[in-house]
Amino acid sequence: MKAIDLRDKISELLGREDLRIDEKKRNKVCLFHASKKTCRYIILTAEGYCCCKNTKIASSIDDLVKNKVMRASGDNCEGLGSYGFTKEKENNQENQDQQKNKEKESHEESQTEEKTKNSQEENIQEG
């Protein structure tokens, strides 16, 4: 992996509470540990995980992704900080997850009903 000196740029992340990423957001929006889908703008500092999308570091990270140096290449939201992370994006993700779960449950129920119906028809034909 190619090392990049970001010391002059990372100082703007330190002490910025508005750039910190909590665990729920890291998992739901940033897709932490999801390989390529993981957000490219997650930075680990001494103060915890931070979002650097709306900072000077972002262009350096974009270059790393463009040159295929970084595996994480997701760009999953509008970022934290000066542009602000909207709750809407996080809520949309939760709604999508809930919708997928409902669809999955509905599909499983349909399959169960179909198996029950087929079993009943077989019993009638045998009787």
C-alpha atoms as a PDB file:
ATOM      1  CA  MET A   1       0.000   0.000   0.000  1.00  0.00           C
ATOM      2  CA  LYS A   2       1.227   3.468  -0.851  1.00  0.00           C
ATOM      3  CA  ALA A   3       1.719   5.776   2.143  1.00  0.00           C
ATOM      4  CA  ILE A   4       0.504   9.326   1.829  1.00  0.00           C
ATOM      5  CA  ASP A   5       1.526  12.156   4.129  1.00  0.00           C
ATOM      6  CA  LEU A   6      -1.652  13.844   5.296  1.00  0.00           C
ATOM      7  CA  ARG A   7      -0.241  15.492   8.443  1.00  0.00           C
ATOM      8  CA  ASP A   8      -0.926  19.009   7.231  1.00  0.00           C
ATOM      9  CA  LYS A   9      -4.525  18.109   6.388  1.00  0.00           C
ATOM     10  CA  ILE A  10      -5.487  15.859   9.292  1.00  0.00           C
ATOM     11  CA  SER A  11      -5.127  18.576  11.916  1.00  0.00           C
ATOM     12  CA  GLU A  12      -8.492  19.993  10.866  1.00  0.00           C
ATOM     13  CA  LEU A  13     -10.175  16.737  11.969  1.00  0.00           C
ATOM     14  CA  LEU A  14      -8.865  16.811  15.505  1.00  0.00           C
ATOM     15  CA  GLY A  15     -11.206  18.257  18.066  1.00  0.00           C
ATOM     16  CA  ARG A  16     -14.138  18.494  15.631  1.00  0.00           C
ATOM     17  CA  GLU A  17     -17.078  16.905  17.378  1.00  0.00           C
ATOM     18  CA  ASP A  18     -19.258  17.480  14.283  1.00  0.00           C
ATOM     19  CA  LEU A  19     -17.072  15.088  12.272  1.00  0.00           C
ATOM     20  CA  ARG A  20     -17.237  12.144  14.684  1.00  0.00           C
ATOM     21  CA  ILE A  21     -19.075   9.066  13.463  1.00  0.00           C
ATOM     22  CA  ASP A  22     -20.998   7.050  16.042  1.00  0.00           C
ATOM     23  CA  GLU A  23     -21.201   3.266  15.814  1.00  0.00           C
ATOM     24  CA  LYS A  24     -24.787   3.181  14.521  1.00  0.00           C
ATOM     25  CA  LYS A  25     -24.000   5.548  11.657  1.00  0.00           C
ATOM     26  CA  ARG A  26     -20.742   3.701  10.882  1.00  0.00           C
ATOM     27  CA  ASN A  27     -22.668   0.461  10.459  1.00  0.00           C
ATOM     28  CA  LYS A  28     -25.890   1.697   8.807  1.00  0.00           C
ATOM     29  CA  VAL A  29     -24.646   4.471   6.529  1.00  0.00           C
ATOM     30  CA  CYS A  30     -20.891   4.102   6.195  1.00  0.00           C
ATOM     31  CA  LEU A  31     -21.299   0.317   5.813  1.00  0.00           C
ATOM     32  CA  PHE A  32     -18.246  -0.262   8.005  1.00  0.00           C
ATOM     33  CA  HIS A  33     -16.516  -3.597   7.227  1.00  0.00           C
ATOM     34  CA  ALA A  34     -18.484  -4.074   3.986  1.00  0.00           C
ATOM     35  CA  SER A  35     -15.393  -4.250   1.762  1.00  0.00           C
ATOM     36  CA  LYS A  36     -15.747  -2.104  -1.366  1.00  0.00           C
ATOM     37  CA  LYS A  37     -19.077  -0.631  -0.225  1.00  0.00           C
ATOM     38  CA  THR A  38     -17.488   0.788   2.938  1.00  0.00           C
ATOM     39  CA  CYS A  39     -17.269   4.558   2.848  1.00  0.00           C
ATOM     40  CA  ARG A  40     -13.892   5.777   1.705  1.00  0.00           C
ATOM     41  CA  TYR A  41     -14.033   8.857   3.936  1.00  0.00           C
ATOM     42  CA  ILE A  42     -13.819   7.116   7.335  1.00  0.00           C
ATOM     43  CA  ILE A  43     -10.666   8.144   9.179  1.00  0.00           C
ATOM     44  CA  LEU A  44      -9.549   6.785  12.542  1.00  0.00           C
ATOM     45  CA  THR A  45      -8.014   9.446  14.764  1.00  0.00           C
ATOM     46  CA  ALA A  46      -6.944   9.335  18.402  1.00  0.00           C
ATOM     47  CA  GLU A  47     -10.400  10.734  19.207  1.00  0.00           C
ATOM     48  CA  GLY A  48     -12.313   8.042  17.305  1.00  0.00           C
ATOM     49  CA  TYR A  49     -13.751   7.591  13.833  1.00  0.00           C
ATOM     50  CA  CYS A  50     -14.282  10.768  11.831  1.00  0.00           C
ATOM     51  CA  CYS A  51     -15.799  11.680   8.493  1.00  0.00           C
ATOM     52  CA  CYS A  52     -13.439  13.556   6.228  1.00  0.00           C
ATOM     53  CA  LYS A  53     -15.687  13.887   3.173  1.00  0.00           C
ATOM     54  CA  ASN A  54     -16.123  17.644   3.510  1.00  0.00           C
ATOM     55  CA  THR A  55     -12.486  18.317   4.392  1.00  0.00           C
ATOM     56  CA  LYS A  56      -9.192  18.874   2.599  1.00  0.00           C
ATOM     57  CA  ILE A  57      -8.383  15.159   2.932  1.00  0.00           C
ATOM     58  CA  ALA A  58     -11.268  14.108   0.681  1.00  0.00           C
ATOM     59  CA  SER A  59      -9.450  14.890  -2.571  1.00  0.00           C
ATOM     60  CA  SER A  60      -6.464  12.779  -1.488  1.00  0.00           C
ATOM     61  CA  ILE A  61      -8.777   9.879  -0.680  1.00  0.00           C
ATOM     62  CA  ASP A  62     -10.592  10.285  -4.001  1.00  0.00           C
ATOM     63  CA  ASP A  63      -7.211   9.994  -5.741  1.00  0.00           C
ATOM     64  CA  LEU A  64      -6.441   6.789  -3.827  1.00  0.00           C
ATOM     65  CA  VAL A  65      -9.750   5.275  -4.909  1.00  0.00           C
ATOM     66  CA  LYS A  66      -9.309   6.454  -8.489  1.00  0.00           C
ATOM     67  CA  ASN A  67      -5.841   4.848  -8.612  1.00  0.00           C
ATOM     68  CA  LYS A  68      -7.218   1.648  -7.028  1.00  0.00           C
ATOM     69  CA  VAL A  69      -4.970   1.961  -3.973  1.00  0.00           C
ATOM     70  CA  MET A  70      -7.871   1.813  -1.517  1.00  0.00           C
ATOM     71  CA  ARG A  71     -10.264  -1.098  -1.295  1.00  0.00           C
ATOM     72  CA  ALA A  72     -13.047   0.850   0.443  1.00  0.00           C
ATOM     73  CA  SER A  73     -14.551   3.015  -2.262  1.00  0.00           C
ATOM     74  CA  GLY A  74     -18.078   3.787  -1.057  1.00  0.00           C
ATOM     75  CA  ASP A  75     -19.512   7.291  -1.139  1.00  0.00           C
ATOM     76  CA  ASN A  76     -22.637   6.651   0.897  1.00  0.00           C
ATOM     77  CA  CYS A  77     -23.895  10.052   2.060  1.00  0.00           C
ATOM     78  CA  GLU A  78     -23.337  13.789   1.859  1.00  0.00           C
ATOM     79  CA  GLY A  79     -20.899  13.680   4.776  1.00  0.00           C
ATOM     80  CA  LEU A  80     -20.570  15.319   8.154  1.00  0.00           C
ATOM     81  CA  GLY A  81     -19.270  18.719   9.070  1.00  0.00           C
ATOM     82  CA  SER A  82     -19.925  21.995   7.345  1.00  0.00           C
ATOM     83  CA  TYR A  83     -22.450  20.560   4.872  1.00  0.00           C
ATOM     84  CA  GLY A  84     -24.070  18.515   7.598  1.00  0.00           C
ATOM     85  CA  PHE A  85     -25.253  14.952   7.648  1.00  0.00           C
ATOM     86  CA  THR A  86     -28.981  14.866   7.236  1.00  0.00           C
ATOM     87  CA  LYS A  87     -31.003  12.516   9.360  1.00  0.00           C
ATOM     88  CA  GLU A  88     -33.044  11.883   6.225  1.00  0.00           C
ATOM     89  CA  LYS A  89     -30.289   9.757   4.680  1.00  0.00           C
ATOM     90  CA  GLU A  90     -29.979   7.630   7.797  1.00  0.00           C
ATOM     91  CA  ASN A  91     -33.762   7.274   8.044  1.00  0.00           C
ATOM     92  CA  ASN A  92     -33.964   6.338   4.352  1.00  0.00           C
ATOM     93  CA  GLN A  93     -31.427   3.575   4.940  1.00  0.00           C
ATOM     94  CA  GLU A  94     -33.426   2.276   7.912  1.00  0.00           C
ATOM     95  CA  ASN A  95     -36.639   2.401   5.862  1.00  0.00           C
ATOM     96  CA  GLN A  96     -34.988   0.478   3.039  1.00  0.00           C
ATOM     97  CA  ASP A  97     -33.762  -2.144   5.504  1.00  0.00           C
ATOM     98  CA  GLN A  98     -37.250  -2.469   7.005  1.00  0.00           C
ATOM     99  CA  GLN A  99     -38.822  -2.748   3.548  1.00  0.00           C
ATOM    100  CA  LYS A 100     -36.390  -5.498   2.552  1.00  0.00           C
ATOM    101  CA  ASN A 101     -37.191  -7.392   5.753  1.00  0.00           C
ATOM    102  CA  LYS A 102     -40.948  -7.083   5.115  1.00  0.00           C
ATOM    103  CA  GLU A 103     -40.525  -8.295   1.525  1.00  0.00           C
ATOM    104  CA  LYS A 104     -38.425 -11.229   2.701  1.00  0.00           C
ATOM    105  CA  GLU A 105     -40.985 -12.160   5.363  1.00  0.00           C
ATOM    106  CA  SER A 106     -43.828 -11.845   2.851  1.00  0.00           C
ATOM    107  CA  HIS A 107     -41.975 -14.063   0.378  1.00  0.00           C
ATOM    108  CA  GLU A 108     -41.299 -16.665   3.068  1.00  0.00           C
ATOM    109  CA  GLU A 109     -44.977 -16.611   4.106  1.00  0.00           C
ATOM    110  CA  SER A 110     -46.048 -17.081   0.487  1.00  0.00           C
ATOM    111  CA  GLN A 111     -43.731 -20.059   0.126  1.00  0.00           C
ATOM    112  CA  THR A 112     -45.073 -21.601   3.336  1.00  0.00           C
ATOM    113  CA  GLU A 113     -48.673 -21.086   2.197  1.00  0.00           C
ATOM    114  CA  GLU A 114     -47.866 -22.637  -1.184  1.00  0.00           C
ATOM    115  CA  LYS A 115     -46.271 -25.684   0.461  1.00  0.00           C
ATOM    116  CA  THR A 116     -49.271 -26.077   2.765  1.00  0.00           C
ATOM    117  CA  LYS A 117     -51.669 -25.830  -0.176  1.00  0.00           C
ATOM    118  CA  ASN A 118     -49.677 -28.384  -2.185  1.00  0.00           C
ATOM    119  CA  SER A 119     -49.575 -30.733   0.796  1.00  0.00           C
ATOM    120  CA  GLN A 120     -53.343 -30.449   1.284  1.00  0.00           C
ATOM    121  CA  GLU A 121     -53.952 -31.130  -2.410  1.00  0.00           C
ATOM    122  CA  GLU A 122     -51.738 -34.226  -2.234  1.00  0.00           C
ATOM    123  CA  ASN A 123     -53.643 -35.475   0.822  1.00  0.00           C
ATOM    124  CA  ILE A 124     -56.969 -35.019  -0.992  1.00  0.00           C
ATOM    125  CA  GLN A 125     -55.714 -36.873  -4.044  1.00  0.00           C
ATOM    126  CA  GLU A 126     -54.392 -39.738  -1.893  1.00  0.00           C
ATOM    127  CA  GLY A 127     -57.666 -39.977   0.071  1.00  0.00           C
END
